Amino acid sequence: MPSPATALIVVDVQNDFCPGGALAVGGGHAIVPVINALVPRYEQVVVTQDWHPEGHASFASAHPGREPFDTTDMPYGPQVLWPDHCVQGTPGAELHPDLRVTSAQMIIRKGWHQGVDSYSAFREADRETLTGLAGYLRERGVEEVHVVGLATDYCVAWTALDAAGAGFRVSVIEDACRAIDISGSLERAWADMTAAGIKRTTSGTVL
């Protein structure tokens, strides 16, 4: 059993990131049973939801002439343009119906600032706007976080890297994640996480 000082962060297991969704991650639904088995092992569970307003700046539809998966320059740096997804209050933004996270004490909704994308549960893409999650975890005595969810190479990796940057010990539970993998993004994400001292593990180490 993980210690009470270890928190599980369940990242963006939402309908739009699962098969049939607007930005589906291949096999995204397959991690749900793994996460459901993990959740009861942790005293502290945090869930995140992508939560965009209509016309969000990260949507290709907000940039005339641009297509999904193009890249554009935003004031905070390069931005991949996505299909409209996880729009606030829509079915696509809801958590997967089979996900069992009723024991979660906190839900972090991210990406709700109109002009800034937000992959990480800790810090928005401008790298300046904080969510307050690091302080919340510290006040609850958390020293280590385990990260699962969608997608490995974006929101999971950014969350893990920012957790490490905030001073937490971090592991990513690989079989409880799936990736988008655009142009080698998964390989780059694992390289960045390894360089940051983030451990790559499996659910078997917990279960």
N, C-alpha and C. Protein backbone atom coordinates (compact mmCIF):
# COMPACT_ATOMS: atom_id res chain seq x y z
N MET A 1 0.84 -1.20 0.00
CA MET A 1 0.00 0.00 0.00
C MET A 1 0.88 1.25 0.00
N PRO A 2 0.58 2.22 -0.86
CA PRO A 2 1.30 3.49 -0.78
C PRO A 2 1.06 4.14 0.58
N SER A 3 2.04 4.90 1.03
CA SER A 3 1.91 5.55 2.33
C SER A 3 0.91 6.69 2.26
N PRO A 4 0.42 7.17 3.41
CA PRO A 4 -0.48 8.33 3.41
C PRO A 4 0.16 9.58 2.84
N ALA A 5 1.49 9.59 2.71
CA ALA A 5 2.19 10.74 2.14
C ALA A 5 2.33 10.65 0.63
N THR A 6 1.65 9.68 0.02
CA THR A 6 1.67 9.51 -1.44
C THR A 6 0.28 9.78 -1.99
N ALA A 7 0.20 10.65 -2.99
CA ALA A 7 -1.07 10.97 -3.63
C ALA A 7 -1.10 10.41 -5.04
N LEU A 8 -2.28 9.97 -5.45
CA LEU A 8 -2.51 9.55 -6.82
C LEU A 8 -3.18 10.70 -7.57
N ILE A 9 -2.61 11.08 -8.71
CA ILE A 9 -3.21 12.11 -9.56
C ILE A 9 -3.73 11.43 -10.82
N VAL A 10 -5.03 11.50 -11.02
CA VAL A 10 -5.71 10.88 -12.16
C VAL A 10 -5.99 11.98 -13.17
N VAL A 11 -5.30 11.94 -14.31
CA VAL A 11 -5.29 13.05 -15.25
C VAL A 11 -6.25 12.81 -16.43
N ASP A 12 -7.28 13.63 -16.53
CA ASP A 12 -8.08 13.82 -17.75
C ASP A 12 -8.64 12.54 -18.37
N VAL A 13 -9.18 11.66 -17.55
CA VAL A 13 -9.81 10.45 -18.09
C VAL A 13 -11.25 10.82 -18.44
N GLN A 14 -11.40 11.51 -19.55
CA GLN A 14 -12.65 12.14 -19.97
C GLN A 14 -13.13 11.56 -21.30
N ASN A 15 -14.40 11.72 -21.55
CA ASN A 15 -14.99 11.12 -22.75
C ASN A 15 -14.33 11.57 -24.03
N ASP A 16 -13.97 12.84 -24.13
CA ASP A 16 -13.38 13.33 -25.37
C ASP A 16 -11.99 12.76 -25.64
N PHE A 17 -11.34 12.21 -24.62
CA PHE A 17 -10.03 11.60 -24.82
C PHE A 17 -10.10 10.08 -24.97
N CYS A 18 -11.29 9.54 -24.95
CA CYS A 18 -11.50 8.10 -25.11
C CYS A 18 -12.11 7.81 -26.48
N PRO A 19 -12.07 6.56 -26.95
CA PRO A 19 -12.60 6.23 -28.28
C PRO A 19 -14.00 6.79 -28.50
N GLY A 20 -14.17 7.44 -29.64
CA GLY A 20 -15.43 8.10 -29.96
C GLY A 20 -15.45 9.57 -29.58
N GLY A 21 -14.45 10.03 -28.84
CA GLY A 21 -14.38 11.42 -28.41
C GLY A 21 -13.73 12.31 -29.44
N ALA A 22 -13.79 13.61 -29.19
CA ALA A 22 -13.30 14.60 -30.14
C ALA A 22 -11.78 14.57 -30.31
N LEU A 23 -11.07 14.14 -29.29
CA LEU A 23 -9.61 14.06 -29.35
C LEU A 23 -9.19 12.72 -28.73
N ALA A 24 -9.66 11.66 -29.35
CA ALA A 24 -9.51 10.33 -28.76
C ALA A 24 -8.05 9.88 -28.75
N VAL A 25 -7.65 9.33 -27.64
CA VAL A 25 -6.33 8.71 -27.47
C VAL A 25 -6.52 7.20 -27.69
N GLY A 26 -5.74 6.63 -28.56
CA GLY A 26 -5.89 5.21 -28.86
C GLY A 26 -5.84 4.36 -27.60
N GLY A 27 -6.87 3.55 -27.39
CA GLY A 27 -6.92 2.69 -26.21
C GLY A 27 -7.13 3.43 -24.93
N GLY A 28 -7.58 4.67 -24.99
CA GLY A 28 -7.72 5.46 -23.76
C GLY A 28 -8.64 4.83 -22.74
N HIS A 29 -9.70 4.16 -23.21
CA HIS A 29 -10.65 3.53 -22.29
C HIS A 29 -10.04 2.35 -21.54
N ALA A 30 -8.96 1.77 -22.09
CA ALA A 30 -8.39 0.55 -21.51
C ALA A 30 -7.73 0.79 -20.17
N ILE A 31 -7.41 2.04 -19.86
CA ILE A 31 -6.76 2.31 -18.58
C ILE A 31 -7.76 2.41 -17.43
N VAL A 32 -9.05 2.53 -17.75
CA VAL A 32 -10.04 2.75 -16.70
C VAL A 32 -10.04 1.62 -15.66
N PRO A 33 -10.08 0.34 -16.05
CA PRO A 33 -10.05 -0.71 -15.02
C PRO A 33 -8.77 -0.69 -14.18
N VAL A 34 -7.66 -0.32 -14.80
CA VAL A 34 -6.40 -0.26 -14.05
C VAL A 34 -6.48 0.84 -13.00
N ILE A 35 -6.96 2.00 -13.39
CA ILE A 35 -7.09 3.11 -12.44
C ILE A 35 -8.09 2.76 -11.34
N ASN A 36 -9.19 2.12 -11.71
CA ASN A 36 -10.18 1.73 -10.70
C ASN A 36 -9.59 0.79 -9.66
N ALA A 37 -8.66 -0.07 -10.08
CA ALA A 37 -8.00 -0.96 -9.13
C ALA A 37 -7.01 -0.22 -8.24
N LEU A 38 -6.39 0.83 -8.80
CA LEU A 38 -5.39 1.59 -8.05
C LEU A 38 -6.01 2.51 -6.99
N VAL A 39 -7.09 3.17 -7.34
CA VAL A 39 -7.64 4.24 -6.49
C VAL A 39 -7.83 3.82 -5.03
N PRO A 40 -8.40 2.64 -4.75
CA PRO A 40 -8.62 2.29 -3.33
C PRO A 40 -7.34 2.11 -2.53
N ARG A 41 -6.20 2.02 -3.19
CA ARG A 41 -4.93 1.85 -2.47
C ARG A 41 -4.39 3.15 -1.91
N TYR A 42 -4.96 4.27 -2.31
CA TYR A 42 -4.42 5.58 -1.92
C TYR A 42 -5.37 6.30 -0.98
N GLU A 43 -4.80 6.91 0.05
CA GLU A 43 -5.61 7.75 0.94
C GLU A 43 -5.90 9.11 0.32
N GLN A 44 -5.03 9.54 -0.60
CA GLN A 44 -5.16 10.88 -1.17
C GLN A 44 -5.21 10.75 -2.70
N VAL A 45 -6.33 11.20 -3.26
CA VAL A 45 -6.56 11.10 -4.70
C VAL A 45 -7.00 12.46 -5.23
N VAL A 46 -6.37 12.89 -6.32
CA VAL A 46 -6.73 14.12 -7.01
C VAL A 46 -7.09 13.76 -8.44
N VAL A 47 -8.14 14.35 -8.96
CA VAL A 47 -8.58 14.13 -10.34
C VAL A 47 -8.48 15.45 -11.10
N THR A 48 -8.07 15.40 -12.37
CA THR A 48 -8.09 16.60 -13.19
C THR A 48 -9.06 16.44 -14.35
N GLN A 49 -9.60 17.57 -14.78
CA GLN A 49 -10.45 17.64 -15.97
C GLN A 49 -10.00 18.79 -16.85
N ASP A 50 -9.80 18.51 -18.14
CA ASP A 50 -9.68 19.57 -19.13
C ASP A 50 -11.04 20.26 -19.17
N TRP A 51 -11.06 21.60 -19.19
CA TRP A 51 -12.33 22.31 -18.97
C TRP A 51 -12.30 23.63 -19.73
N HIS A 52 -12.42 23.53 -21.06
CA HIS A 52 -12.24 24.70 -21.92
C HIS A 52 -13.54 25.45 -22.17
N PRO A 53 -13.47 26.79 -22.21
CA PRO A 53 -14.62 27.55 -22.72
C PRO A 53 -14.73 27.37 -24.23
N GLU A 54 -15.91 27.66 -24.78
CA GLU A 54 -16.07 27.61 -26.23
C GLU A 54 -15.10 28.59 -26.88
N GLY A 55 -14.57 28.19 -28.04
CA GLY A 55 -13.66 29.07 -28.77
C GLY A 55 -12.31 29.24 -28.13
N HIS A 56 -11.88 28.28 -27.31
CA HIS A 56 -10.60 28.40 -26.61
C HIS A 56 -9.46 28.59 -27.59
N ALA A 57 -8.45 29.33 -27.15
CA ALA A 57 -7.33 29.68 -28.02
C ALA A 57 -6.54 28.47 -28.51
N SER A 58 -6.65 27.33 -27.83
CA SER A 58 -5.93 26.14 -28.27
C SER A 58 -6.68 25.35 -29.34
N PHE A 59 -7.90 25.78 -29.69
CA PHE A 59 -8.69 25.09 -30.69
C PHE A 59 -8.33 25.59 -32.09
N ALA A 60 -8.12 24.67 -33.01
CA ALA A 60 -7.85 25.07 -34.40
C ALA A 60 -8.98 25.93 -34.95
N SER A 61 -10.21 25.65 -34.52
CA SER A 61 -11.37 26.40 -35.02
C SER A 61 -11.33 27.88 -34.66
N ALA A 62 -10.49 28.23 -33.67
CA ALA A 62 -10.36 29.64 -33.27
C ALA A 62 -9.33 30.38 -34.11
N HIS A 63 -8.70 29.68 -35.06
CA HIS A 63 -7.64 30.27 -35.89
C HIS A 63 -7.99 30.03 -37.35
N PRO A 64 -8.64 30.98 -38.02
CA PRO A 64 -9.06 30.78 -39.41
C PRO A 64 -7.91 30.31 -40.30
N GLY A 65 -8.21 29.29 -41.09
CA GLY A 65 -7.22 28.75 -42.01
C GLY A 65 -6.30 27.71 -41.42
N ARG A 66 -6.41 27.45 -40.13
CA ARG A 66 -5.56 26.46 -39.50
C ARG A 66 -6.32 25.17 -39.28
N GLU A 67 -5.58 24.06 -39.21
CA GLU A 67 -6.16 22.74 -39.04
C GLU A 67 -5.72 22.13 -37.71
N PRO A 68 -6.52 21.19 -37.18
CA PRO A 68 -6.06 20.48 -35.98
C PRO A 68 -4.68 19.87 -36.17
N PHE A 69 -3.87 19.99 -35.14
CA PHE A 69 -2.51 19.48 -35.05
C PHE A 69 -1.48 20.37 -35.76
N ASP A 70 -1.94 21.49 -36.36
CA ASP A 70 -1.00 22.53 -36.74
C ASP A 70 -0.39 23.12 -35.47
N THR A 71 0.69 23.85 -35.64
CA THR A 71 1.31 24.57 -34.52
C THR A 71 1.30 26.06 -34.81
N THR A 72 0.97 26.84 -33.82
CA THR A 72 0.99 28.30 -33.96
C THR A 72 1.78 28.89 -32.80
N ASP A 73 2.13 30.16 -32.94
CA ASP A 73 2.83 30.86 -31.86
C ASP A 73 1.83 31.63 -31.02
N MET A 74 1.88 31.38 -29.72
CA MET A 74 1.07 32.12 -28.76
C MET A 74 2.00 33.01 -27.94
N PRO A 75 1.47 33.97 -27.19
CA PRO A 75 2.34 34.83 -26.40
C PRO A 75 3.25 34.05 -25.45
N TYR A 76 2.84 32.85 -25.04
CA TYR A 76 3.64 32.04 -24.13
C TYR A 76 4.48 30.99 -24.84
N GLY A 77 4.46 30.97 -26.19
CA GLY A 77 5.30 30.02 -26.92
C GLY A 77 4.51 29.21 -27.93
N PRO A 78 5.14 28.17 -28.52
CA PRO A 78 4.45 27.35 -29.52
C PRO A 78 3.26 26.62 -28.92
N GLN A 79 2.20 26.51 -29.71
CA GLN A 79 0.97 25.87 -29.26
C GLN A 79 0.45 24.93 -30.34
N VAL A 80 0.31 23.65 -30.00
CA VAL A 80 -0.39 22.73 -30.89
C VAL A 80 -1.86 23.11 -30.89
N LEU A 81 -2.46 23.15 -32.07
CA LEU A 81 -3.88 23.46 -32.18
C LEU A 81 -4.68 22.15 -32.22
N TRP A 82 -5.68 22.07 -31.38
CA TRP A 82 -6.42 20.83 -31.20
C TRP A 82 -7.82 20.94 -31.78
N PRO A 83 -8.45 19.81 -32.06
CA PRO A 83 -9.89 19.85 -32.32
C PRO A 83 -10.61 20.38 -31.08
N ASP A 84 -11.77 20.99 -31.27
CA ASP A 84 -12.56 21.42 -30.11
C ASP A 84 -12.81 20.20 -29.23
N HIS A 85 -12.51 20.32 -27.94
CA HIS A 85 -12.64 19.18 -27.04
C HIS A 85 -12.84 19.66 -25.61
N CYS A 86 -13.46 18.82 -24.80
CA CYS A 86 -13.64 19.07 -23.37
C CYS A 86 -14.17 20.48 -23.11
N VAL A 87 -15.20 20.85 -23.87
CA VAL A 87 -15.83 22.15 -23.68
C VAL A 87 -16.70 22.08 -22.42
N GLN A 88 -16.59 23.10 -21.60
CA GLN A 88 -17.25 23.13 -20.29
C GLN A 88 -18.73 22.74 -20.39
N GLY A 89 -19.12 21.79 -19.56
CA GLY A 89 -20.51 21.41 -19.45
C GLY A 89 -21.02 20.46 -20.52
N THR A 90 -20.15 20.05 -21.45
CA THR A 90 -20.58 19.13 -22.51
C THR A 90 -20.30 17.69 -22.09
N PRO A 91 -20.98 16.71 -22.73
CA PRO A 91 -20.70 15.31 -22.41
C PRO A 91 -19.24 14.93 -22.63
N GLY A 92 -18.59 15.53 -23.61
CA GLY A 92 -17.18 15.20 -23.86
C GLY A 92 -16.26 15.57 -22.73
N ALA A 93 -16.66 16.56 -21.93
CA ALA A 93 -15.82 17.00 -20.80
C ALA A 93 -16.04 16.16 -19.55
N GLU A 94 -17.06 15.31 -19.56
CA GLU A 94 -17.34 14.50 -18.38
C GLU A 94 -16.31 13.38 -18.22
N LEU A 95 -16.10 12.98 -16.99
CA LEU A 95 -15.23 11.83 -16.74
C LEU A 95 -15.84 10.59 -17.37
N HIS A 96 -14.97 9.64 -17.77
CA HIS A 96 -15.45 8.40 -18.36
C HIS A 96 -16.47 7.75 -17.42
N PRO A 97 -17.60 7.29 -17.94
CA PRO A 97 -18.67 6.81 -17.05
C PRO A 97 -18.29 5.61 -16.20
N ASP A 98 -17.28 4.86 -16.60
CA ASP A 98 -16.88 3.69 -15.82
C ASP A 98 -15.77 4.00 -14.81
N LEU A 99 -15.28 5.24 -14.81
CA LEU A 99 -14.20 5.61 -13.89
C LEU A 99 -14.76 5.73 -12.48
N ARG A 100 -14.10 5.09 -11.52
CA ARG A 100 -14.56 5.08 -10.14
C ARG A 100 -13.59 5.87 -9.27
N VAL A 101 -13.87 7.14 -9.11
CA VAL A 101 -12.98 8.02 -8.33
C VAL A 101 -13.77 8.77 -7.26
N THR A 102 -14.76 8.10 -6.69
CA THR A 102 -15.59 8.77 -5.68
C THR A 102 -14.81 9.14 -4.43
N SER A 103 -13.65 8.50 -4.22
CA SER A 103 -12.85 8.81 -3.03
C SER A 103 -11.95 10.03 -3.24
N ALA A 104 -11.94 10.60 -4.44
CA ALA A 104 -11.09 11.77 -4.70
C ALA A 104 -11.53 12.95 -3.84
N GLN A 105 -10.54 13.62 -3.25
CA GLN A 105 -10.84 14.77 -2.40
C GLN A 105 -10.82 16.08 -3.16
N MET A 106 -10.21 16.08 -4.35
CA MET A 106 -10.11 17.34 -5.11
C MET A 106 -10.21 17.05 -6.60
N ILE A 107 -10.90 17.95 -7.31
CA ILE A 107 -10.90 17.96 -8.77
C ILE A 107 -10.32 19.29 -9.22
N ILE A 108 -9.26 19.21 -10.01
CA ILE A 108 -8.64 20.40 -10.60
C ILE A 108 -9.16 20.53 -12.03
N ARG A 109 -9.82 21.63 -12.33
CA ARG A 109 -10.25 21.90 -13.71
C ARG A 109 -9.26 22.88 -14.33
N LYS A 110 -8.76 22.50 -15.49
CA LYS A 110 -7.68 23.26 -16.11
C LYS A 110 -8.02 23.60 -17.56
N GLY A 111 -7.36 24.62 -18.08
CA GLY A 111 -7.63 25.06 -19.45
C GLY A 111 -8.84 25.97 -19.56
N TRP A 112 -9.28 26.53 -18.44
CA TRP A 112 -10.49 27.36 -18.48
C TRP A 112 -10.19 28.83 -18.73
N HIS A 113 -8.91 29.24 -18.70
CA HIS A 113 -8.57 30.59 -19.14
C HIS A 113 -8.63 30.63 -20.67
N GLN A 114 -9.36 31.57 -21.22
CA GLN A 114 -9.65 31.60 -22.65
C GLN A 114 -8.40 31.59 -23.52
N GLY A 115 -7.37 32.31 -23.11
CA GLY A 115 -6.22 32.51 -23.98
C GLY A 115 -5.00 31.68 -23.66
N VAL A 116 -5.10 30.76 -22.70
CA VAL A 116 -3.93 29.98 -22.28
C VAL A 116 -4.30 28.51 -22.18
N ASP A 117 -3.53 27.65 -22.82
CA ASP A 117 -3.77 26.23 -22.65
C ASP A 117 -3.19 25.78 -21.31
N SER A 118 -3.55 24.58 -20.89
CA SER A 118 -3.09 24.09 -19.59
C SER A 118 -3.05 22.57 -19.62
N TYR A 119 -1.86 22.04 -19.76
CA TYR A 119 -1.69 20.58 -19.74
C TYR A 119 -1.48 20.08 -18.31
N SER A 120 -0.70 20.80 -17.55
CA SER A 120 -0.29 20.37 -16.22
C SER A 120 -1.35 20.63 -15.17
N ALA A 121 -1.42 19.76 -14.18
CA ALA A 121 -2.30 19.99 -13.04
C ALA A 121 -1.75 21.05 -12.09
N PHE A 122 -0.50 21.44 -12.27
CA PHE A 122 0.17 22.36 -11.35
C PHE A 122 0.32 23.78 -11.89
N ARG A 123 0.49 23.90 -13.22
CA ARG A 123 0.89 25.19 -13.78
C ARG A 123 0.39 25.27 -15.22
N GLU A 124 -0.17 26.42 -15.60
CA GLU A 124 -0.69 26.57 -16.95
C GLU A 124 0.45 26.74 -17.96
N ALA A 125 0.09 26.71 -19.25
CA ALA A 125 1.11 26.69 -20.30
C ALA A 125 1.92 27.97 -20.38
N ASP A 126 1.45 29.06 -19.78
CA ASP A 126 2.27 30.27 -19.72
C ASP A 126 3.41 30.12 -18.72
N ARG A 127 3.37 29.01 -17.95
CA ARG A 127 4.38 28.65 -16.96
C ARG A 127 4.43 29.63 -15.79
N GLU A 128 3.45 30.53 -15.70
CA GLU A 128 3.38 31.50 -14.62
C GLU A 128 2.16 31.30 -13.73
N THR A 129 1.03 30.89 -14.32
CA THR A 129 -0.22 30.78 -13.58
C THR A 129 -0.29 29.44 -12.87
N LEU A 130 -0.35 29.47 -11.54
CA LEU A 130 -0.36 28.25 -10.74
C LEU A 130 -1.79 27.85 -10.41
N THR A 131 -2.01 26.56 -10.25
CA THR A 131 -3.34 26.05 -9.88
C THR A 131 -3.54 25.97 -8.38
N GLY A 132 -2.47 26.00 -7.61
CA GLY A 132 -2.56 25.84 -6.16
C GLY A 132 -2.43 24.39 -5.71
N LEU A 133 -2.27 23.46 -6.65
CA LEU A 133 -2.21 22.05 -6.27
C LEU A 133 -0.99 21.73 -5.41
N ALA A 134 0.15 22.32 -5.72
CA ALA A 134 1.36 22.02 -4.94
C ALA A 134 1.15 22.39 -3.47
N GLY A 135 0.59 23.56 -3.22
CA GLY A 135 0.34 23.98 -1.85
C GLY A 135 -0.67 23.08 -1.15
N TYR A 136 -1.71 22.70 -1.87
CA TYR A 136 -2.72 21.79 -1.32
C TYR A 136 -2.08 20.48 -0.88
N LEU A 137 -1.26 19.90 -1.75
CA LEU A 137 -0.62 18.62 -1.43
C LEU A 137 0.33 18.76 -0.24
N ARG A 138 1.10 19.84 -0.22
CA ARG A 138 2.05 20.03 0.89
C ARG A 138 1.29 20.15 2.22
N GLU A 139 0.20 20.89 2.22
CA GLU A 139 -0.54 21.08 3.47
C GLU A 139 -1.16 19.78 3.95
N ARG A 140 -1.34 18.82 3.04
CA ARG A 140 -1.88 17.52 3.42
C ARG A 140 -0.77 16.49 3.67
N GLY A 141 0.47 16.97 3.72
CA GLY A 141 1.58 16.10 4.08
C GLY A 141 2.09 15.21 2.96
N VAL A 142 1.74 15.52 1.73
CA VAL A 142 2.17 14.68 0.60
C VAL A 142 3.63 14.96 0.26
N GLU A 143 4.37 13.89 0.06
CA GLU A 143 5.78 13.97 -0.33
C GLU A 143 6.04 13.32 -1.68
N GLU A 144 5.14 12.46 -2.12
CA GLU A 144 5.33 11.70 -3.36
C GLU A 144 4.01 11.67 -4.11
N VAL A 145 4.08 11.73 -5.45
CA VAL A 145 2.87 11.60 -6.26
C VAL A 145 3.07 10.53 -7.31
N HIS A 146 2.00 9.80 -7.59
CA HIS A 146 1.93 8.84 -8.67
C HIS A 146 0.93 9.37 -9.69
N VAL A 147 1.32 9.39 -10.97
CA VAL A 147 0.50 10.02 -11.99
C VAL A 147 0.02 8.97 -12.98
N VAL A 148 -1.28 9.03 -13.32
CA VAL A 148 -1.89 8.14 -14.30
C VAL A 148 -2.83 8.97 -15.17
N GLY A 149 -3.23 8.43 -16.33
CA GLY A 149 -4.26 9.11 -17.11
C GLY A 149 -3.88 9.35 -18.55
N LEU A 150 -4.45 10.43 -19.11
CA LEU A 150 -4.36 10.74 -20.53
C LEU A 150 -3.92 12.20 -20.71
N ALA A 151 -3.06 12.43 -21.65
CA ALA A 151 -2.28 11.47 -22.41
C ALA A 151 -0.84 11.52 -21.89
N THR A 152 -0.15 10.39 -22.01
CA THR A 152 1.19 10.27 -21.44
C THR A 152 2.11 11.40 -21.86
N ASP A 153 2.08 11.74 -23.14
CA ASP A 153 3.04 12.68 -23.71
C ASP A 153 2.63 14.14 -23.57
N TYR A 154 1.47 14.40 -23.03
CA TYR A 154 1.04 15.78 -22.83
C TYR A 154 0.67 16.02 -21.37
N CYS A 155 -0.58 15.85 -21.02
CA CYS A 155 -1.01 16.26 -19.68
C CYS A 155 -0.39 15.43 -18.56
N VAL A 156 -0.16 14.14 -18.81
CA VAL A 156 0.51 13.32 -17.79
C VAL A 156 1.95 13.77 -17.62
N ALA A 157 2.68 13.92 -18.72
CA ALA A 157 4.09 14.30 -18.64
C ALA A 157 4.26 15.69 -18.02
N TRP A 158 3.45 16.65 -18.45
CA TRP A 158 3.58 18.00 -17.90
C TRP A 158 3.26 18.01 -16.42
N THR A 159 2.25 17.25 -16.02
CA THR A 159 1.92 17.16 -14.59
C THR A 159 3.06 16.54 -13.81
N ALA A 160 3.63 15.46 -14.33
CA ALA A 160 4.73 14.79 -13.64
C ALA A 160 5.95 15.70 -13.54
N LEU A 161 6.28 16.39 -14.62
CA LEU A 161 7.45 17.27 -14.61
C LEU A 161 7.26 18.43 -13.64
N ASP A 162 6.06 19.00 -13.60
CA ASP A 162 5.83 20.10 -12.67
C ASP A 162 5.79 19.62 -11.23
N ALA A 163 5.30 18.40 -11.01
CA ALA A 163 5.34 17.85 -9.66
C ALA A 163 6.78 17.69 -9.19
N ALA A 164 7.64 17.17 -10.08
CA ALA A 164 9.05 17.04 -9.73
C ALA A 164 9.68 18.40 -9.48
N GLY A 165 9.32 19.37 -10.33
CA GLY A 165 9.85 20.72 -10.16
C GLY A 165 9.41 21.37 -8.86
N ALA A 166 8.26 20.93 -8.34
CA ALA A 166 7.75 21.46 -7.06
C ALA A 166 8.33 20.72 -5.86
N GLY A 167 9.18 19.74 -6.12
CA GLY A 167 9.89 19.07 -5.04
C GLY A 167 9.32 17.74 -4.59
N PHE A 168 8.32 17.23 -5.30
CA PHE A 168 7.75 15.93 -4.95
C PHE A 168 8.54 14.81 -5.63
N ARG A 169 8.62 13.65 -4.98
CA ARG A 169 9.06 12.44 -5.67
C ARG A 169 7.93 12.00 -6.58
N VAL A 170 8.28 11.57 -7.80
CA VAL A 170 7.23 11.32 -8.80
C VAL A 170 7.46 9.99 -9.51
N SER A 171 6.37 9.25 -9.67
CA SER A 171 6.37 8.06 -10.52
C SER A 171 5.19 8.17 -11.48
N VAL A 172 5.40 7.72 -12.71
CA VAL A 172 4.32 7.59 -13.69
C VAL A 172 4.03 6.11 -13.85
N ILE A 173 2.78 5.72 -13.64
CA ILE A 173 2.37 4.32 -13.74
C ILE A 173 2.00 4.06 -15.20
N GLU A 174 2.92 3.46 -15.92
CA GLU A 174 2.86 3.43 -17.38
C GLU A 174 1.64 2.71 -17.93
N ASP A 175 1.24 1.59 -17.33
CA ASP A 175 0.11 0.84 -17.88
C ASP A 175 -1.23 1.46 -17.52
N ALA A 176 -1.22 2.53 -16.75
CA ALA A 176 -2.43 3.29 -16.45
C ALA A 176 -2.44 4.61 -17.21
N CYS A 177 -1.70 4.66 -18.32
CA CYS A 177 -1.63 5.84 -19.19
C CYS A 177 -1.69 5.38 -20.65
N ARG A 178 -2.07 6.28 -21.53
CA ARG A 178 -1.96 6.09 -22.97
C ARG A 178 -1.53 7.41 -23.59
N ALA A 179 -0.90 7.34 -24.79
CA ALA A 179 -0.32 8.52 -25.41
C ALA A 179 -0.99 8.88 -26.72
N ILE A 180 -0.88 10.15 -27.11
CA ILE A 180 -1.27 10.60 -28.44
C ILE A 180 -0.15 10.27 -29.43
N ASP A 181 1.09 10.61 -29.06
CA ASP A 181 2.31 10.34 -29.83
C ASP A 181 2.28 11.00 -31.21
N ILE A 182 2.40 12.32 -31.21
CA ILE A 182 2.50 13.11 -32.43
C ILE A 182 3.97 13.38 -32.73
N SER A 183 4.47 12.89 -33.85
CA SER A 183 5.83 13.20 -34.31
C SER A 183 6.89 12.95 -33.24
N GLY A 184 6.80 11.80 -32.58
CA GLY A 184 7.80 11.44 -31.59
C GLY A 184 7.59 12.05 -30.22
N SER A 185 6.40 12.59 -29.97
CA SER A 185 6.17 13.28 -28.69
C SER A 185 6.27 12.34 -27.50
N LEU A 186 5.93 11.08 -27.67
CA LEU A 186 6.00 10.15 -26.53
C LEU A 186 7.44 9.88 -26.14
N GLU A 187 8.30 9.64 -27.11
CA GLU A 187 9.71 9.40 -26.80
C GLU A 187 10.34 10.61 -26.13
N ARG A 188 10.01 11.81 -26.63
CA ARG A 188 10.55 13.02 -26.02
C ARG A 188 10.05 13.19 -24.59
N ALA A 189 8.78 12.87 -24.37
CA ALA A 189 8.21 13.03 -23.03
C ALA A 189 8.91 12.11 -22.03
N TRP A 190 9.12 10.85 -22.41
CA TRP A 190 9.80 9.92 -21.50
C TRP A 190 11.24 10.36 -21.26
N ALA A 191 11.90 10.88 -22.29
CA ALA A 191 13.28 11.35 -22.11
C ALA A 191 13.32 12.52 -21.12
N ASP A 192 12.37 13.45 -21.26
CA ASP A 192 12.32 14.59 -20.34
C ASP A 192 12.02 14.13 -18.91
N MET A 193 11.09 13.20 -18.77
CA MET A 193 10.74 12.73 -17.44
C MET A 193 11.89 11.97 -16.80
N THR A 194 12.58 11.14 -17.57
CA THR A 194 13.73 10.41 -17.04
C THR A 194 14.82 11.38 -16.58
N ALA A 195 15.06 12.40 -17.39
CA ALA A 195 16.09 13.40 -17.04
C ALA A 195 15.73 14.15 -15.77
N ALA A 196 14.44 14.27 -15.48
CA ALA A 196 13.98 14.97 -14.27
C ALA A 196 13.93 14.05 -13.05
N GLY A 197 14.33 12.79 -13.22
CA GLY A 197 14.35 11.87 -12.09
C GLY A 197 13.02 11.20 -11.81
N ILE A 198 12.08 11.28 -12.76
CA ILE A 198 10.77 10.67 -12.59
C ILE A 198 10.86 9.17 -12.88
N LYS A 199 10.28 8.38 -12.00
CA LYS A 199 10.34 6.93 -12.15
C LYS A 199 9.25 6.45 -13.10
N ARG A 200 9.57 5.43 -13.86
CA ARG A 200 8.64 4.79 -14.79
C ARG A 200 8.30 3.42 -14.20
N THR A 201 7.03 3.24 -13.84
CA THR A 201 6.68 2.02 -13.12
C THR A 201 5.38 1.46 -13.68
N THR A 202 4.86 0.38 -13.07
CA THR A 202 3.62 -0.25 -13.50
C THR A 202 2.68 -0.42 -12.32
N SER A 203 1.44 -0.72 -12.61
CA SER A 203 0.45 -0.89 -11.56
C SER A 203 0.77 -2.07 -10.64
N GLY A 204 1.49 -3.05 -11.16
CA GLY A 204 1.85 -4.20 -10.34
C GLY A 204 2.67 -3.86 -9.12
N THR A 205 3.41 -2.75 -9.19
CA THR A 205 4.22 -2.35 -8.03
C THR A 205 3.35 -1.83 -6.90
N VAL A 206 2.13 -1.38 -7.23
CA VAL A 206 1.20 -0.88 -6.23
C VAL A 206 0.21 -1.97 -5.81
N LEU A 207 -0.27 -2.72 -6.79
CA LEU A 207 -1.30 -3.70 -6.51
C LEU A 207 -0.71 -5.00 -5.95
